[in-house]
Amino acid sequence: EVQLVESGGGLVQAGGSLRLSCAASGVTLDDWAIAWFRQAPGREREGVSCITSRDGATHYSDSVKGRFTTSKDNAKNTVYLQLNSLKPEDTAVYYCAAQPGGFLRPHYYCSGFGPMGYWGQGTQVTVSS
C-alpha cells in the first residue's frame, strides 16, 4: 500500500521559512511525479510544485516561483518543499501527492499538476503577519 506522510508544518512569522517533508512508504519513488498542493479555507486546491523522481525536473506555480524549492532524496524515498520568504497568503494545508510514470511520463503529470493518484493527509502551514 502506498502511503505518503507529510511533516514539517507549523506557525511562522511573515518572512520566515519552513521545510516540509513527504515520506513515501510501500513504494520506491523511482519514476514518479511528486507534487505539493495547498488549500486555504474557502479556496480551491492549488498546485504549488512538482518534481520528477528520476531526473529531478521541477515545476512551480507562479505564486511561489523564486520562494519555494522542491527537492528529493531518493535514498530516503522523501521529497521536500523548502518554503522561504513566507507570506500570510501562503497559509494553507499543504498536501503531498504522487503519480507513477507509465504510458505517460511523470513530466506530463508535473506540468499539469496532475492527475495524482496518491495523496497524503496534509500538514498545516500558518504564516502570521
Foldseek 3Di string as FASTA:
>chain_A
DKAWAKDWADEEAAQAKIKMKIFIPPDQLQFKKKWKWWDDPPDDIGTAKIATNNPGDMDGDPVCPPAKDKDDDRVRNMIMIMGGRDDQVVWTWMKMFMDGDDVHGNVVCGVVVDDTDHIHPTDTHGYHD
